[in-house]
Amino acid sequence: MFDHCLYFNTTALARIVEREWNAAYRPFDLTAPQGFVLRTVLRRPGLLSSEVADVFGIARPTATRLLDALLSKQLIERRPSADDGREWNIFPTAAGLALDVPINAVSAEVAQRLRAQVGDDRFDGSIAALRGIRESIR
C-alpha cells in the first residue's frame, strides 16, 4: 500500500533500527539518542549545545533534553562558552570518558551485525542515499 512512500518506509526502518540501538545502549542506562549524543561529545569535547542540535538535525529544546538527561547521569558537564554567554560548551565527565571504549565497542558490534544482515553494498548504498535525501530536503 505504501511501498513508494518515503515517510512510511523510513519511519518503519527507523523503528527497527532504534530497537537495535536501544537494546545495545540499555546496559549503559542510555537510550539510543542519549548514546549517540554521548558518543558525539566524547569525539568533540567542548561542542556547543546548539551544535548538538545541528549535528542531529533536531530542535534545540530536544537537544537540551538529551543533554539534561546525560547531565543527570553525570556523564557530561556544561561550561559557559567564552564566545557566547547564551551558549554552553559540553564536555564529558570522568564517568562519561569511562564509557568511551565500551560504548564504541558495542556500537561497532551493532553496525557490523546490521551490515551483515543487509549486505555491505546495500548497507553503504542505503546510508549514502539516505544522507543525500536528507541533505536535499533540509
C-alpha atoms as a PDB file:
ATOM      1  CA  MET A   1       0.000   0.000   0.000  1.00  0.00           C
ATOM      2  CA  PHE A   2       2.787   2.460   0.912  1.00  0.00           C
ATOM      3  CA  ASP A   3       5.642   0.754  -0.920  1.00  0.00           C
ATOM      4  CA  HIS A   4       6.696   4.001  -2.596  1.00  0.00           C
ATOM      5  CA  CYS A   5       6.181   6.294   0.390  1.00  0.00           C
ATOM      6  CA  LEU A   6       9.377   7.799   1.788  1.00  0.00           C
ATOM      7  CA  TYR A   7       7.736   8.618   5.124  1.00  0.00           C
ATOM      8  CA  PHE A   8       6.329   5.141   5.691  1.00  0.00           C
ATOM      9  CA  ASN A   9       9.485   3.263   4.713  1.00  0.00           C
ATOM     10  CA  THR A  10      11.967   5.475   6.571  1.00  0.00           C
ATOM     11  CA  THR A  11       9.796   5.548   9.696  1.00  0.00           C
ATOM     12  CA  ALA A  12       9.340   1.778   9.685  1.00  0.00           C
ATOM     13  CA  LEU A  13      13.082   1.319   9.221  1.00  0.00           C
ATOM     14  CA  ALA A  14      13.820   3.865  11.957  1.00  0.00           C
ATOM     15  CA  ARG A  15      11.683   1.915  14.442  1.00  0.00           C
ATOM     16  CA  ILE A  16      13.521  -1.324  13.713  1.00  0.00           C
ATOM     17  CA  VAL A  17      16.948   0.301  13.906  1.00  0.00           C
ATOM     18  CA  GLU A  18      16.054   2.245  17.052  1.00  0.00           C
ATOM     19  CA  ARG A  19      15.108  -1.006  18.818  1.00  0.00           C
ATOM     20  CA  GLU A  20      18.542  -2.413  17.960  1.00  0.00           C
ATOM     21  CA  TRP A  21      20.372   0.657  19.283  1.00  0.00           C
ATOM     22  CA  ASN A  22      18.193   0.936  22.397  1.00  0.00           C
ATOM     23  CA  ALA A  23      18.994  -2.680  23.239  1.00  0.00           C
ATOM     24  CA  ALA A  24      22.705  -2.036  22.693  1.00  0.00           C
ATOM     25  CA  TYR A  25      22.770   1.040  24.943  1.00  0.00           C
ATOM     26  CA  ARG A  26      20.475  -0.352  27.649  1.00  0.00           C
ATOM     27  CA  PRO A  27      23.420  -1.824  29.658  1.00  0.00           C
ATOM     28  CA  PHE A  28      24.777   1.732  29.923  1.00  0.00           C
ATOM     29  CA  ASP A  29      21.388   3.029  31.120  1.00  0.00           C
ATOM     30  CA  LEU A  30      21.115   5.104  27.941  1.00  0.00           C
ATOM     31  CA  THR A  31      18.565   5.419  25.184  1.00  0.00           C
ATOM     32  CA  ALA A  32      19.760   5.352  21.593  1.00  0.00           C
ATOM     33  CA  PRO A  33      19.591   9.155  21.224  1.00  0.00           C
ATOM     34  CA  GLN A  34      21.440   9.644  24.530  1.00  0.00           C
ATOM     35  CA  GLY A  35      24.097   7.160  23.466  1.00  0.00           C
ATOM     36  CA  PHE A  36      24.689   8.914  20.159  1.00  0.00           C
ATOM     37  CA  VAL A  37      24.870  12.327  21.827  1.00  0.00           C
ATOM     38  CA  LEU A  38      27.358  10.991  24.380  1.00  0.00           C
ATOM     39  CA  ARG A  39      29.472   9.475  21.603  1.00  0.00           C
ATOM     40  CA  THR A  40      29.442  12.840  19.835  1.00  0.00           C
ATOM     41  CA  VAL A  41      30.533  14.691  22.972  1.00  0.00           C
ATOM     42  CA  LEU A  42      33.286  12.130  23.525  1.00  0.00           C
ATOM     43  CA  ARG A  43      34.555  12.737  19.972  1.00  0.00           C
ATOM     44  CA  ARG A  44      34.138  16.513  20.104  1.00  0.00           C
ATOM     45  CA  PRO A  45      34.653  17.764  23.673  1.00  0.00           C
ATOM     46  CA  GLY A  46      33.692  21.410  24.011  1.00  0.00           C
ATOM     47  CA  LEU A  47      30.903  21.133  21.457  1.00  0.00           C
ATOM     48  CA  LEU A  48      28.314  23.866  21.858  1.00  0.00           C
ATOM     49  CA  SER A  49      24.844  22.774  22.872  1.00  0.00           C
ATOM     50  CA  SER A  50      23.473  24.367  19.679  1.00  0.00           C
ATOM     51  CA  GLU A  51      25.931  22.285  17.639  1.00  0.00           C
ATOM     52  CA  VAL A  52      24.467  19.123  19.153  1.00  0.00           C
ATOM     53  CA  ALA A  53      21.105  20.124  17.683  1.00  0.00           C
ATOM     54  CA  ASP A  54      22.725  20.806  14.320  1.00  0.00           C
ATOM     55  CA  VAL A  55      24.651  17.508  14.234  1.00  0.00           C
ATOM     56  CA  PHE A  56      21.476  15.502  14.820  1.00  0.00           C
ATOM     57  CA  GLY A  57      19.080  17.697  12.864  1.00  0.00           C
ATOM     58  CA  ILE A  58      16.879  18.166  15.923  1.00  0.00           C
ATOM     59  CA  ALA A  59      15.328  21.176  17.603  1.00  0.00           C
ATOM     60  CA  ARG A  60      17.382  22.904  20.281  1.00  0.00           C
ATOM     61  CA  PRO A  61      14.863  22.061  23.038  1.00  0.00           C
ATOM     62  CA  THR A  62      15.175  18.384  22.084  1.00  0.00           C
ATOM     63  CA  ALA A  63      18.967  18.621  22.242  1.00  0.00           C
ATOM     64  CA  THR A  64      18.673  20.338  25.619  1.00  0.00           C
ATOM     65  CA  ARG A  65      16.517  17.486  26.967  1.00  0.00           C
ATOM     66  CA  LEU A  66      19.056  14.913  25.767  1.00  0.00           C
ATOM     67  CA  LEU A  67      21.908  16.870  27.317  1.00  0.00           C
ATOM     68  CA  ASP A  68      19.920  17.294  30.547  1.00  0.00           C
ATOM     69  CA  ALA A  69      19.490  13.517  30.731  1.00  0.00           C
ATOM     70  CA  LEU A  70      23.228  12.958  30.281  1.00  0.00           C
ATOM     71  CA  LEU A  71      23.920  15.678  32.829  1.00  0.00           C
ATOM     72  CA  SER A  72      21.637  13.998  35.368  1.00  0.00           C
ATOM     73  CA  LYS A  73      23.545  10.747  34.806  1.00  0.00           C
ATOM     74  CA  GLN A  74      26.755  12.716  35.428  1.00  0.00           C
ATOM     75  CA  LEU A  75      28.192  11.732  32.047  1.00  0.00           C
ATOM     76  CA  ILE A  76      28.649  15.280  30.771  1.00  0.00           C
ATOM     77  CA  GLU A  77      29.144  18.746  32.183  1.00  0.00           C
ATOM     78  CA  ARG A  78      28.277  22.160  30.854  1.00  0.00           C
ATOM     79  CA  ARG A  79      30.664  25.077  30.940  1.00  0.00           C
ATOM     80  CA  PRO A  80      29.795  28.628  29.912  1.00  0.00           C
ATOM     81  CA  SER A  81      31.019  29.459  26.437  1.00  0.00           C
ATOM     82  CA  ALA A  82      33.745  32.075  26.338  1.00  0.00           C
ATOM     83  CA  ASP A  83      32.457  33.213  22.933  1.00  0.00           C
ATOM     84  CA  ASP A  84      28.727  33.472  23.633  1.00  0.00           C
ATOM     85  CA  GLY A  85      27.202  33.964  27.074  1.00  0.00           C
ATOM     86  CA  ARG A  86      23.975  32.333  25.894  1.00  0.00           C
ATOM     87  CA  GLU A  87      25.718  29.095  24.938  1.00  0.00           C
ATOM     88  CA  TRP A  88      27.279  26.197  26.821  1.00  0.00           C
ATOM     89  CA  ASN A  89      30.232  24.034  25.885  1.00  0.00           C
ATOM     90  CA  ILE A  90      29.653  20.367  26.585  1.00  0.00           C
ATOM     91  CA  PHE A  91      32.409  18.134  27.977  1.00  0.00           C
ATOM     92  CA  PRO A  92      32.421  14.506  29.085  1.00  0.00           C
ATOM     93  CA  THR A  93      32.965  13.835  32.784  1.00  0.00           C
ATOM     94  CA  ALA A  94      35.260  11.104  34.077  1.00  0.00           C
ATOM     95  CA  ALA A  95      32.240   8.780  34.126  1.00  0.00           C
ATOM     96  CA  GLY A  96      31.460   9.708  30.526  1.00  0.00           C
ATOM     97  CA  LEU A  97      35.062   9.164  29.468  1.00  0.00           C
ATOM     98  CA  ALA A  98      34.977   5.739  31.113  1.00  0.00           C
ATOM     99  CA  LEU A  99      32.207   4.731  28.682  1.00  0.00           C
ATOM    100  CA  ASP A 100      34.155   5.752  25.579  1.00  0.00           C
ATOM    101  CA  VAL A 101      35.688   2.366  24.774  1.00  0.00           C
ATOM    102  CA  PRO A 102      32.782   0.124  25.813  1.00  0.00           C
ATOM    103  CA  ILE A 103      30.058   2.187  24.140  1.00  0.00           C
ATOM    104  CA  ASN A 104      32.035   2.411  20.915  1.00  0.00           C
ATOM    105  CA  ALA A 105      32.719  -1.339  21.016  1.00  0.00           C
ATOM    106  CA  VAL A 106      29.000  -2.087  21.383  1.00  0.00           C
ATOM    107  CA  SER A 107      28.236   0.414  18.619  1.00  0.00           C
ATOM    108  CA  ALA A 108      30.680  -1.301  16.296  1.00  0.00           C
ATOM    109  CA  GLU A 109      29.045  -4.662  17.049  1.00  0.00           C
ATOM    110  CA  VAL A 110      25.579  -3.329  16.189  1.00  0.00           C
ATOM    111  CA  ALA A 111      26.833  -1.724  12.989  1.00  0.00           C
ATOM    112  CA  GLN A 112      28.614  -4.939  11.950  1.00  0.00           C
ATOM    113  CA  ARG A 113      25.525  -7.032  12.698  1.00  0.00           C
ATOM    114  CA  LEU A 114      23.256  -4.732  10.680  1.00  0.00           C
ATOM    115  CA  ARG A 115      25.796  -4.591   7.851  1.00  0.00           C
ATOM    116  CA  ALA A 116      25.939  -8.400   7.780  1.00  0.00           C
ATOM    117  CA  GLN A 117      22.139  -8.653   7.700  1.00  0.00           C
ATOM    118  CA  VAL A 118      21.778  -6.112   4.913  1.00  0.00           C
ATOM    119  CA  GLY A 119      24.965  -6.762   2.941  1.00  0.00           C
ATOM    120  CA  ASP A 120      27.917  -4.427   2.502  1.00  0.00           C
ATOM    121  CA  ASP A 121      26.885  -2.828  -0.792  1.00  0.00           C
ATOM    122  CA  ARG A 122      23.249  -2.343   0.163  1.00  0.00           C
ATOM    123  CA  PHE A 123      24.224  -1.009   3.604  1.00  0.00           C
ATOM    124  CA  ASP A 124      26.713   1.526   2.226  1.00  0.00           C
ATOM    125  CA  GLY A 125      24.422   2.500  -0.639  1.00  0.00           C
ATOM    126  CA  SER A 126      21.460   2.979   1.681  1.00  0.00           C
ATOM    127  CA  ILE A 127      23.425   5.184   4.057  1.00  0.00           C
ATOM    128  CA  ALA A 128      24.686   7.299   1.167  1.00  0.00           C
ATOM    129  CA  ALA A 129      21.208   7.553  -0.376  1.00  0.00           C
ATOM    130  CA  LEU A 130      19.547   8.485   2.917  1.00  0.00           C
ATOM    131  CA  ARG A 131      22.205  11.103   3.644  1.00  0.00           C
ATOM    132  CA  GLY A 132      21.715  12.569   0.173  1.00  0.00           C
ATOM    133  CA  ILE A 133      17.942  12.679   0.567  1.00  0.00           C
ATOM    134  CA  ARG A 134      18.270  14.286   3.990  1.00  0.00           C
ATOM    135  CA  GLU A 135      20.589  16.993   2.626  1.00  0.00           C
ATOM    136  CA  SER A 136      18.349  17.611  -0.378  1.00  0.00           C
ATOM    137  CA  ILE A 137      15.167  18.228   1.577  1.00  0.00           C
ATOM    138  CA  ARG A 138      16.505  20.255   4.504  1.00  0.00           C
END
